Amino acid sequence: MPLKTIACYLFTLLVINSCAPVITSSSHDASADFSQLKTYAWGQNSVSIGRLGRGADALLEGVEQMARQDIQPIVDGMLAEKGFTIDASGNPDFIVRYMATGATTQDIPQTYYPGTPSSITYSTQVGTFMMGAVQIEMSDPKTSNVIWRSYGEKPITGDGSSTAKLERALKKILRDFPPR
């Protein structure tokens, strides 16, 4: 395959990944009284990175390190902006935890050629890209029941330096907390 074709394909993947929106979804316990929540504490967080055993996996190292170092401080800042404080008394109103995942995934681009039946496709290469997801949960410390949950996923870059992108994604994930 010509180098020009490979470079064009990689550039296209980069553009698509950088422009792709964060897809989010959230839910909450309708019986929870969110107006009473003022303080929080952190629960057990987790970061899970799935690898294919190929060269693209090395890019996930930076993503894993960024997730472990940056998610909690970014969320702390966003919760502070919403008026919540970290509990120092040992009796928080809610517990926050996150689960972050990242994985390299393979995509087989399909090419349809004009004049051929629509059921015939041709593929000449397999592309690799990375998907990342973060789920944030708020739970009642007395019952451990989840009272609010939001999830976001997006194709990610593996340079480990894009905390601004992570911050935008977390802001979108937390935009509906507390529910009104």
N, C-alpha and C. Protein backbone atom coordinates (compact mmCIF):
# COMPACT_ATOMS: atom_id res chain seq x y z
N MET A 1 0.85 -1.17 0.00
CA MET A 1 0.00 0.00 0.00
C MET A 1 0.90 1.23 0.00
N PRO A 2 0.63 2.20 -0.84
CA PRO A 2 1.47 3.40 -0.92
C PRO A 2 1.45 4.19 0.39
N LEU A 3 2.59 4.77 0.72
CA LEU A 3 2.73 5.56 1.94
C LEU A 3 1.75 6.72 1.96
N LYS A 4 1.48 7.31 0.82
CA LYS A 4 0.54 8.43 0.72
C LYS A 4 -0.86 8.00 1.16
N THR A 5 -1.27 6.80 0.77
CA THR A 5 -2.59 6.28 1.15
C THR A 5 -2.66 6.06 2.65
N ILE A 6 -1.62 5.48 3.23
CA ILE A 6 -1.58 5.24 4.67
C ILE A 6 -1.64 6.56 5.43
N ALA A 7 -0.85 7.53 5.00
CA ALA A 7 -0.83 8.84 5.66
C ALA A 7 -2.20 9.51 5.59
N CYS A 8 -2.86 9.41 4.45
CA CYS A 8 -4.20 9.99 4.28
C CYS A 8 -5.20 9.32 5.22
N TYR A 9 -5.13 8.00 5.33
CA TYR A 9 -6.04 7.25 6.20
C TYR A 9 -5.82 7.64 7.66
N LEU A 10 -4.56 7.72 8.10
CA LEU A 10 -4.27 8.10 9.49
C LEU A 10 -4.71 9.52 9.78
N PHE A 11 -4.51 10.45 8.83
CA PHE A 11 -4.94 11.82 9.02
C PHE A 11 -6.46 11.88 9.17
N THR A 12 -7.18 11.12 8.35
CA THR A 12 -8.65 11.08 8.44
C THR A 12 -9.10 10.57 9.80
N LEU A 13 -8.48 9.51 10.30
CA LEU A 13 -8.83 8.99 11.62
C LEU A 13 -8.57 10.03 12.70
N LEU A 14 -7.45 10.76 12.61
CA LEU A 14 -7.15 11.79 13.59
C LEU A 14 -8.19 12.89 13.58
N VAL A 15 -8.59 13.34 12.41
CA VAL A 15 -9.61 14.39 12.30
C VAL A 15 -10.94 13.91 12.87
N ILE A 16 -11.34 12.70 12.52
CA ILE A 16 -12.60 12.15 13.03
C ILE A 16 -12.55 12.03 14.54
N ASN A 17 -11.45 11.52 15.09
CA ASN A 17 -11.33 11.36 16.54
C ASN A 17 -11.36 12.69 17.26
N SER A 18 -10.73 13.72 16.71
CA SER A 18 -10.69 14.99 17.41
C SER A 18 -12.02 15.73 17.34
N CYS A 19 -12.82 15.47 16.31
CA CYS A 19 -14.09 16.15 16.15
C CYS A 19 -15.27 15.40 16.77
N ALA A 20 -15.06 14.14 17.07
CA ALA A 20 -16.17 13.32 17.56
C ALA A 20 -16.66 13.85 18.91
N PRO A 21 -17.97 13.97 19.06
CA PRO A 21 -18.50 14.46 20.32
C PRO A 21 -18.43 13.38 21.40
N VAL A 22 -18.50 13.84 22.64
CA VAL A 22 -18.62 12.91 23.75
C VAL A 22 -20.08 12.49 23.81
N ILE A 23 -20.32 11.21 23.73
CA ILE A 23 -21.69 10.69 23.81
C ILE A 23 -21.96 10.40 25.28
N THR A 24 -22.99 11.03 25.84
CA THR A 24 -23.27 10.87 27.27
C THR A 24 -24.68 10.38 27.51
N SER A 25 -24.85 9.86 28.71
CA SER A 25 -26.16 9.43 29.17
C SER A 25 -26.14 9.49 30.68
N SER A 26 -27.23 9.92 31.30
CA SER A 26 -27.26 9.97 32.76
C SER A 26 -28.63 9.52 33.26
N SER A 27 -28.64 9.11 34.52
CA SER A 27 -29.89 8.70 35.18
C SER A 27 -29.76 9.01 36.66
N HIS A 28 -30.89 9.10 37.32
CA HIS A 28 -30.86 9.37 38.76
C HIS A 28 -32.07 8.75 39.45
N ASP A 29 -31.96 8.64 40.76
CA ASP A 29 -33.03 8.12 41.60
C ASP A 29 -34.01 9.27 41.83
N ALA A 30 -35.21 9.14 41.31
CA ALA A 30 -36.21 10.21 41.41
C ALA A 30 -36.62 10.48 42.86
N SER A 31 -36.41 9.52 43.75
CA SER A 31 -36.81 9.73 45.15
C SER A 31 -35.71 10.41 45.98
N ALA A 32 -34.53 10.60 45.44
CA ALA A 32 -33.44 11.23 46.19
C ALA A 32 -33.64 12.74 46.24
N ASP A 33 -33.34 13.32 47.40
CA ASP A 33 -33.46 14.77 47.60
C ASP A 33 -32.07 15.40 47.41
N PHE A 34 -31.79 15.84 46.22
CA PHE A 34 -30.48 16.38 45.89
C PHE A 34 -30.24 17.75 46.52
N SER A 35 -31.30 18.43 46.93
CA SER A 35 -31.14 19.75 47.54
C SER A 35 -30.45 19.66 48.90
N GLN A 36 -30.44 18.49 49.52
CA GLN A 36 -29.82 18.31 50.83
C GLN A 36 -28.34 17.95 50.74
N LEU A 37 -27.83 17.74 49.54
CA LEU A 37 -26.44 17.33 49.38
C LEU A 37 -25.51 18.54 49.40
N LYS A 38 -24.53 18.49 50.27
CA LYS A 38 -23.57 19.59 50.39
C LYS A 38 -22.12 19.08 50.36
N THR A 39 -21.87 17.92 50.98
CA THR A 39 -20.50 17.41 51.10
C THR A 39 -20.39 16.03 50.48
N TYR A 40 -19.17 15.70 50.07
CA TYR A 40 -18.94 14.39 49.45
C TYR A 40 -17.58 13.85 49.85
N ALA A 41 -17.42 12.55 49.63
CA ALA A 41 -16.13 11.87 49.82
C ALA A 41 -15.94 10.97 48.60
N TRP A 42 -14.69 10.59 48.36
CA TRP A 42 -14.39 9.71 47.24
C TRP A 42 -14.46 8.26 47.66
N GLY A 43 -15.07 7.44 46.81
CA GLY A 43 -15.09 6.00 47.00
C GLY A 43 -13.98 5.35 46.20
N GLN A 44 -14.13 4.08 45.94
CA GLN A 44 -13.13 3.31 45.19
C GLN A 44 -13.28 3.58 43.69
N ASN A 45 -12.24 4.14 43.08
CA ASN A 45 -12.23 4.41 41.65
C ASN A 45 -11.53 3.28 40.91
N SER A 46 -11.77 3.18 39.62
CA SER A 46 -11.07 2.15 38.85
C SER A 46 -10.75 2.65 37.44
N VAL A 47 -9.61 2.19 36.94
CA VAL A 47 -9.19 2.47 35.57
C VAL A 47 -8.85 1.12 34.95
N SER A 48 -9.47 0.84 33.82
CA SER A 48 -9.25 -0.45 33.14
C SER A 48 -8.92 -0.18 31.68
N ILE A 49 -7.76 -0.66 31.26
CA ILE A 49 -7.32 -0.45 29.89
C ILE A 49 -7.23 -1.80 29.19
N GLY A 50 -7.95 -1.96 28.09
CA GLY A 50 -7.90 -3.19 27.31
C GLY A 50 -6.94 -3.02 26.14
N ARG A 51 -6.15 -4.02 25.90
CA ARG A 51 -5.14 -3.92 24.86
C ARG A 51 -5.27 -5.05 23.85
N LEU A 52 -4.84 -4.76 22.62
CA LEU A 52 -4.86 -5.76 21.55
C LEU A 52 -3.53 -6.50 21.43
N GLY A 53 -2.50 -6.01 22.12
CA GLY A 53 -1.19 -6.64 22.00
C GLY A 53 -0.44 -6.19 20.78
N ARG A 54 -0.72 -4.98 20.32
CA ARG A 54 -0.04 -4.44 19.14
C ARG A 54 0.54 -3.07 19.47
N GLY A 55 1.16 -2.46 18.49
CA GLY A 55 1.84 -1.18 18.68
C GLY A 55 0.95 -0.07 19.20
N ALA A 56 -0.31 -0.03 18.82
CA ALA A 56 -1.21 1.05 19.27
C ALA A 56 -1.43 1.00 20.77
N ASP A 57 -1.20 -0.15 21.39
CA ASP A 57 -1.41 -0.27 22.83
C ASP A 57 -0.48 0.64 23.63
N ALA A 58 0.70 0.92 23.10
CA ALA A 58 1.64 1.78 23.80
C ALA A 58 1.05 3.17 24.00
N LEU A 59 0.22 3.61 23.08
CA LEU A 59 -0.42 4.93 23.21
C LEU A 59 -1.36 4.99 24.40
N LEU A 60 -1.89 3.84 24.81
CA LEU A 60 -2.83 3.83 25.93
C LEU A 60 -2.15 4.05 27.27
N GLU A 61 -0.84 3.88 27.36
CA GLU A 61 -0.14 4.10 28.62
C GLU A 61 -0.34 5.54 29.10
N GLY A 62 -0.21 6.50 28.18
CA GLY A 62 -0.42 7.90 28.54
C GLY A 62 -1.85 8.17 28.95
N VAL A 63 -2.80 7.50 28.29
CA VAL A 63 -4.21 7.67 28.63
C VAL A 63 -4.48 7.13 30.04
N GLU A 64 -3.93 5.97 30.35
CA GLU A 64 -4.12 5.38 31.68
C GLU A 64 -3.54 6.27 32.76
N GLN A 65 -2.34 6.77 32.54
CA GLN A 65 -1.70 7.63 33.52
C GLN A 65 -2.51 8.92 33.71
N MET A 66 -2.99 9.50 32.61
CA MET A 66 -3.78 10.72 32.69
C MET A 66 -5.08 10.47 33.47
N ALA A 67 -5.72 9.35 33.21
CA ALA A 67 -6.97 9.04 33.92
C ALA A 67 -6.72 8.92 35.42
N ARG A 68 -5.69 8.21 35.81
CA ARG A 68 -5.40 8.01 37.24
C ARG A 68 -5.02 9.32 37.93
N GLN A 69 -4.35 10.22 37.23
CA GLN A 69 -3.88 11.45 37.85
C GLN A 69 -4.86 12.60 37.76
N ASP A 70 -5.65 12.67 36.70
CA ASP A 70 -6.40 13.89 36.42
C ASP A 70 -7.90 13.85 36.67
N ILE A 71 -8.52 12.69 36.60
CA ILE A 71 -9.98 12.67 36.71
C ILE A 71 -10.45 13.21 38.06
N GLN A 72 -9.90 12.69 39.16
CA GLN A 72 -10.38 13.12 40.47
C GLN A 72 -10.19 14.61 40.72
N PRO A 73 -9.03 15.20 40.44
CA PRO A 73 -8.90 16.65 40.66
C PRO A 73 -9.82 17.49 39.76
N ILE A 74 -10.04 17.05 38.53
CA ILE A 74 -10.94 17.78 37.64
C ILE A 74 -12.36 17.72 38.18
N VAL A 75 -12.81 16.54 38.60
CA VAL A 75 -14.15 16.40 39.16
C VAL A 75 -14.28 17.21 40.44
N ASP A 76 -13.24 17.19 41.30
CA ASP A 76 -13.26 18.03 42.52
C ASP A 76 -13.51 19.49 42.17
N GLY A 77 -12.81 20.00 41.16
CA GLY A 77 -12.99 21.39 40.75
C GLY A 77 -14.39 21.67 40.24
N MET A 78 -14.94 20.75 39.47
CA MET A 78 -16.28 20.94 38.92
C MET A 78 -17.34 20.87 40.01
N LEU A 79 -17.17 19.97 40.97
CA LEU A 79 -18.12 19.90 42.07
C LEU A 79 -18.02 21.14 42.95
N ALA A 80 -16.81 21.67 43.13
CA ALA A 80 -16.64 22.91 43.90
C ALA A 80 -17.36 24.07 43.21
N GLU A 81 -17.29 24.12 41.88
CA GLU A 81 -18.01 25.16 41.13
C GLU A 81 -19.51 25.06 41.33
N LYS A 82 -20.00 23.86 41.60
CA LYS A 82 -21.43 23.66 41.82
C LYS A 82 -21.81 23.84 43.30
N GLY A 83 -20.82 24.17 44.15
CA GLY A 83 -21.09 24.45 45.56
C GLY A 83 -20.88 23.28 46.51
N PHE A 84 -20.34 22.18 46.04
CA PHE A 84 -20.10 21.01 46.90
C PHE A 84 -18.70 21.07 47.47
N THR A 85 -18.53 20.55 48.69
CA THR A 85 -17.21 20.53 49.32
C THR A 85 -16.86 19.10 49.73
N ILE A 86 -15.55 18.85 49.80
CA ILE A 86 -15.09 17.54 50.26
C ILE A 86 -15.32 17.47 51.76
N ASP A 87 -15.87 16.36 52.20
CA ASP A 87 -16.20 16.16 53.61
C ASP A 87 -14.95 15.91 54.43
N ALA A 88 -14.82 16.65 55.53
CA ALA A 88 -13.69 16.45 56.43
C ALA A 88 -14.12 15.78 57.73
N SER A 89 -15.43 15.65 57.94
CA SER A 89 -15.95 15.12 59.21
C SER A 89 -16.08 13.60 59.22
N GLY A 90 -16.00 12.96 58.06
CA GLY A 90 -16.22 11.51 58.01
C GLY A 90 -17.68 11.15 57.85
N ASN A 91 -18.52 12.14 57.57
CA ASN A 91 -19.95 11.92 57.42
C ASN A 91 -20.45 12.64 56.16
N PRO A 92 -20.02 12.20 54.96
CA PRO A 92 -20.41 12.92 53.74
C PRO A 92 -21.88 12.69 53.39
N ASP A 93 -22.42 13.63 52.61
CA ASP A 93 -23.80 13.50 52.13
C ASP A 93 -23.89 12.51 50.97
N PHE A 94 -22.81 12.38 50.19
CA PHE A 94 -22.78 11.41 49.10
C PHE A 94 -21.35 10.99 48.81
N ILE A 95 -21.23 9.84 48.16
CA ILE A 95 -19.94 9.27 47.78
C ILE A 95 -19.81 9.38 46.26
N VAL A 96 -18.65 9.80 45.80
CA VAL A 96 -18.36 9.91 44.36
C VAL A 96 -17.35 8.83 44.00
N ARG A 97 -17.56 8.21 42.86
CA ARG A 97 -16.55 7.29 42.33
C ARG A 97 -16.62 7.32 40.81
N TYR A 98 -15.51 6.98 40.20
CA TYR A 98 -15.49 6.90 38.74
C TYR A 98 -14.91 5.57 38.30
N MET A 99 -15.32 5.16 37.12
CA MET A 99 -14.77 4.00 36.43
C MET A 99 -14.38 4.50 35.04
N ALA A 100 -13.10 4.37 34.71
CA ALA A 100 -12.61 4.81 33.40
C ALA A 100 -12.10 3.59 32.64
N THR A 101 -12.44 3.52 31.37
CA THR A 101 -11.95 2.42 30.54
C THR A 101 -11.40 2.99 29.24
N GLY A 102 -10.47 2.26 28.67
CA GLY A 102 -9.93 2.61 27.38
C GLY A 102 -9.54 1.33 26.68
N ALA A 103 -9.70 1.31 25.39
CA ALA A 103 -9.34 0.10 24.64
C ALA A 103 -9.01 0.45 23.21
N THR A 104 -8.04 -0.28 22.67
CA THR A 104 -7.79 -0.16 21.24
C THR A 104 -8.80 -1.07 20.55
N THR A 105 -9.35 -0.58 19.48
CA THR A 105 -10.39 -1.30 18.75
C THR A 105 -10.01 -1.32 17.28
N GLN A 106 -10.41 -2.35 16.60
CA GLN A 106 -10.13 -2.41 15.18
C GLN A 106 -11.39 -2.12 14.38
N ASP A 107 -11.17 -1.43 13.28
CA ASP A 107 -12.26 -1.06 12.39
C ASP A 107 -11.85 -1.48 10.98
N ILE A 108 -12.73 -2.15 10.29
CA ILE A 108 -12.47 -2.54 8.92
C ILE A 108 -13.30 -1.62 8.03
N PRO A 109 -12.63 -0.64 7.40
CA PRO A 109 -13.38 0.28 6.53
C PRO A 109 -13.95 -0.47 5.33
N GLN A 110 -15.17 -0.15 4.99
CA GLN A 110 -15.83 -0.79 3.86
C GLN A 110 -15.90 0.20 2.70
N THR A 111 -15.56 -0.27 1.54
CA THR A 111 -15.60 0.56 0.35
C THR A 111 -16.63 -0.02 -0.61
N TYR A 112 -17.58 0.79 -1.02
CA TYR A 112 -18.60 0.38 -1.99
C TYR A 112 -18.20 0.96 -3.33
N TYR A 113 -18.16 0.14 -4.32
CA TYR A 113 -17.78 0.60 -5.64
C TYR A 113 -19.02 0.80 -6.49
N PRO A 114 -19.13 1.96 -7.17
CA PRO A 114 -20.29 2.23 -8.03
C PRO A 114 -20.40 1.16 -9.12
N GLY A 115 -21.63 0.79 -9.39
CA GLY A 115 -21.88 -0.17 -10.45
C GLY A 115 -21.85 -1.62 -9.99
N THR A 116 -21.57 -1.83 -8.70
CA THR A 116 -21.59 -3.20 -8.17
C THR A 116 -22.81 -3.35 -7.29
N PRO A 117 -23.27 -4.55 -7.09
CA PRO A 117 -24.41 -4.74 -6.17
C PRO A 117 -24.05 -4.22 -4.78
N SER A 118 -25.03 -3.67 -4.09
CA SER A 118 -24.78 -3.06 -2.78
C SER A 118 -24.28 -4.07 -1.75
N SER A 119 -24.48 -5.34 -2.01
CA SER A 119 -24.02 -6.33 -1.04
C SER A 119 -22.54 -6.65 -1.19
N ILE A 120 -21.89 -6.12 -2.20
CA ILE A 120 -20.48 -6.42 -2.40
C ILE A 120 -19.65 -5.26 -1.85
N THR A 121 -18.79 -5.56 -0.90
CA THR A 121 -17.90 -4.55 -0.34
C THR A 121 -16.47 -5.07 -0.43
N TYR A 122 -15.57 -4.15 -0.44
CA TYR A 122 -14.16 -4.50 -0.51
C TYR A 122 -13.44 -3.81 0.63
N SER A 123 -12.54 -4.52 1.27
CA SER A 123 -11.75 -3.93 2.33
C SER A 123 -10.29 -4.28 2.10
N THR A 124 -9.44 -3.28 2.17
CA THR A 124 -8.03 -3.52 1.93
C THR A 124 -7.18 -3.35 3.17
N GLN A 125 -7.74 -2.80 4.24
CA GLN A 125 -6.93 -2.54 5.42
C GLN A 125 -7.79 -2.56 6.67
N VAL A 126 -7.13 -2.77 7.78
CA VAL A 126 -7.78 -2.72 9.08
C VAL A 126 -7.20 -1.53 9.83
N GLY A 127 -8.06 -0.66 10.32
CA GLY A 127 -7.61 0.50 11.08
C GLY A 127 -7.74 0.23 12.56
N THR A 128 -6.90 0.86 13.35
CA THR A 128 -6.97 0.74 14.80
C THR A 128 -7.24 2.12 15.38
N PHE A 129 -8.19 2.20 16.31
CA PHE A 129 -8.44 3.46 17.00
C PHE A 129 -8.71 3.14 18.46
N MET A 130 -8.77 4.16 19.28
CA MET A 130 -8.96 3.97 20.71
C MET A 130 -10.26 4.61 21.16
N MET A 131 -11.00 3.89 21.99
CA MET A 131 -12.22 4.41 22.59
C MET A 131 -12.00 4.54 24.08
N GLY A 132 -12.49 5.62 24.64
CA GLY A 132 -12.41 5.82 26.08
C GLY A 132 -13.79 6.09 26.63
N ALA A 133 -14.01 5.67 27.86
CA ALA A 133 -15.29 5.88 28.52
C ALA A 133 -15.06 6.18 29.99
N VAL A 134 -15.89 7.05 30.53
CA VAL A 134 -15.85 7.36 31.96
C VAL A 134 -17.27 7.32 32.48
N GLN A 135 -17.44 6.63 33.60
CA GLN A 135 -18.74 6.63 34.29
C GLN A 135 -18.50 7.21 35.68
N ILE A 136 -19.33 8.16 36.06
CA ILE A 136 -19.26 8.76 37.38
C ILE A 136 -20.55 8.43 38.11
N GLU A 137 -20.41 7.98 39.34
CA GLU A 137 -21.58 7.63 40.16
C GLU A 137 -21.54 8.40 41.46
N MET A 138 -22.71 8.80 41.91
CA MET A 138 -22.90 9.38 43.24
C MET A 138 -23.80 8.41 43.99
N SER A 139 -23.40 8.05 45.19
CA SER A 139 -24.21 7.09 45.96
C SER A 139 -24.46 7.59 47.37
N ASP A 140 -25.48 7.04 47.97
CA ASP A 140 -25.85 7.34 49.34
C ASP A 140 -24.88 6.59 50.25
N PRO A 141 -24.17 7.28 51.15
CA PRO A 141 -23.19 6.59 51.99
C PRO A 141 -23.82 5.63 53.01
N LYS A 142 -25.08 5.83 53.33
CA LYS A 142 -25.75 4.97 54.32
C LYS A 142 -26.22 3.66 53.71
N THR A 143 -26.72 3.73 52.47
CA THR A 143 -27.30 2.53 51.84
C THR A 143 -26.43 1.98 50.70
N SER A 144 -25.46 2.74 50.25
CA SER A 144 -24.62 2.41 49.10
C SER A 144 -25.39 2.37 47.78
N ASN A 145 -26.64 2.80 47.80
CA ASN A 145 -27.44 2.85 46.57
C ASN A 145 -26.99 4.02 45.71
N VAL A 146 -26.89 3.78 44.41
CA VAL A 146 -26.52 4.84 43.47
C VAL A 146 -27.72 5.78 43.33
N ILE A 147 -27.46 7.08 43.52
CA ILE A 147 -28.54 8.06 43.39
C ILE A 147 -28.44 8.85 42.08
N TRP A 148 -27.25 8.84 41.49
CA TRP A 148 -27.03 9.53 40.21
C TRP A 148 -25.88 8.86 39.49
N ARG A 149 -26.01 8.75 38.17
CA ARG A 149 -24.97 8.11 37.37
C ARG A 149 -24.95 8.76 36.00
N SER A 150 -23.75 9.00 35.49
CA SER A 150 -23.60 9.51 34.14
C SER A 150 -22.42 8.82 33.47
N TYR A 151 -22.55 8.65 32.17
CA TYR A 151 -21.59 7.89 31.40
C TYR A 151 -21.26 8.68 30.14
N GLY A 152 -20.00 8.69 29.77
CA GLY A 152 -19.60 9.33 28.52
C GLY A 152 -18.54 8.52 27.82
N GLU A 153 -18.60 8.51 26.48
CA GLU A 153 -17.58 7.81 25.71
C GLU A 153 -17.22 8.61 24.48
N LYS A 154 -15.97 8.41 24.02
CA LYS A 154 -15.46 9.18 22.89
C LYS A 154 -14.22 8.49 22.36
N PRO A 155 -13.99 8.57 21.05
CA PRO A 155 -12.68 8.14 20.54
C PRO A 155 -11.62 9.03 21.18
N ILE A 156 -10.50 8.45 21.55
CA ILE A 156 -9.48 9.21 22.26
C ILE A 156 -8.15 9.16 21.52
N THR A 157 -7.32 10.16 21.83
CA THR A 157 -5.96 10.14 21.35
C THR A 157 -5.10 9.64 22.49
N GLY A 158 -4.03 8.99 22.18
CA GLY A 158 -3.22 8.34 23.21
C GLY A 158 -1.96 9.06 23.59
N ASP A 159 -1.92 10.39 23.39
CA ASP A 159 -0.68 11.08 23.73
C ASP A 159 -0.56 11.37 25.21
N GLY A 160 -1.65 11.23 25.96
CA GLY A 160 -1.60 11.43 27.40
C GLY A 160 -1.46 12.87 27.82
N SER A 161 -1.52 13.80 26.88
CA SER A 161 -1.28 15.20 27.23
C SER A 161 -2.52 16.07 27.13
N SER A 162 -3.63 15.50 26.77
CA SER A 162 -4.80 16.32 26.50
C SER A 162 -5.76 16.39 27.68
N THR A 163 -5.33 17.03 28.76
CA THR A 163 -6.23 17.18 29.90
C THR A 163 -7.37 18.12 29.56
N ALA A 164 -7.18 19.02 28.60
CA ALA A 164 -8.27 19.92 28.20
C ALA A 164 -9.42 19.13 27.60
N LYS A 165 -9.11 18.12 26.77
CA LYS A 165 -10.17 17.28 26.20
C LYS A 165 -10.86 16.47 27.29
N LEU A 166 -10.06 15.96 28.24
CA LEU A 166 -10.64 15.21 29.36
C LEU A 166 -11.54 16.11 30.18
N GLU A 167 -11.11 17.33 30.42
CA GLU A 167 -11.92 18.28 31.19
C GLU A 167 -13.24 18.58 30.49
N ARG A 168 -13.20 18.78 29.17
CA ARG A 168 -14.45 19.04 28.42
C ARG A 168 -15.38 17.83 28.50
N ALA A 169 -14.82 16.64 28.40
CA ALA A 169 -15.64 15.43 28.48
C ALA A 169 -16.27 15.29 29.85
N LEU A 170 -15.49 15.51 30.91
CA LEU A 170 -16.03 15.40 32.27
C LEU A 170 -17.08 16.47 32.55
N LYS A 171 -16.88 17.66 31.99
CA LYS A 171 -17.88 18.73 32.16
C LYS A 171 -19.21 18.32 31.54
N LYS A 172 -19.14 17.68 30.37
CA LYS A 172 -20.36 17.22 29.72
C LYS A 172 -21.00 16.09 30.52
N ILE A 173 -20.19 15.20 31.07
CA ILE A 173 -20.71 14.09 31.87
C ILE A 173 -21.40 14.62 33.13
N LEU A 174 -20.82 15.65 33.76
CA LEU A 174 -21.37 16.18 35.02
C LEU A 174 -22.39 17.31 34.84
N ARG A 175 -22.70 17.66 33.61
CA ARG A 175 -23.58 18.84 33.41
C ARG A 175 -24.96 18.67 34.04
N ASP A 176 -25.45 17.45 34.18
CA ASP A 176 -26.79 17.22 34.74
C ASP A 176 -26.77 16.90 36.22
N PHE A 177 -25.64 17.14 36.88
CA PHE A 177 -25.60 16.91 38.33
C PHE A 177 -25.49 18.24 39.04
N PRO A 178 -26.30 18.46 40.04
CA PRO A 178 -27.44 17.63 40.47
C PRO A 178 -28.63 17.82 39.55
N PRO A 179 -29.45 16.80 39.43
CA PRO A 179 -30.64 16.94 38.58
C PRO A 179 -31.59 18.00 39.15
N ARG A 180 -32.29 18.63 38.27
CA ARG A 180 -33.22 19.71 38.71
C ARG A 180 -34.64 19.22 38.71
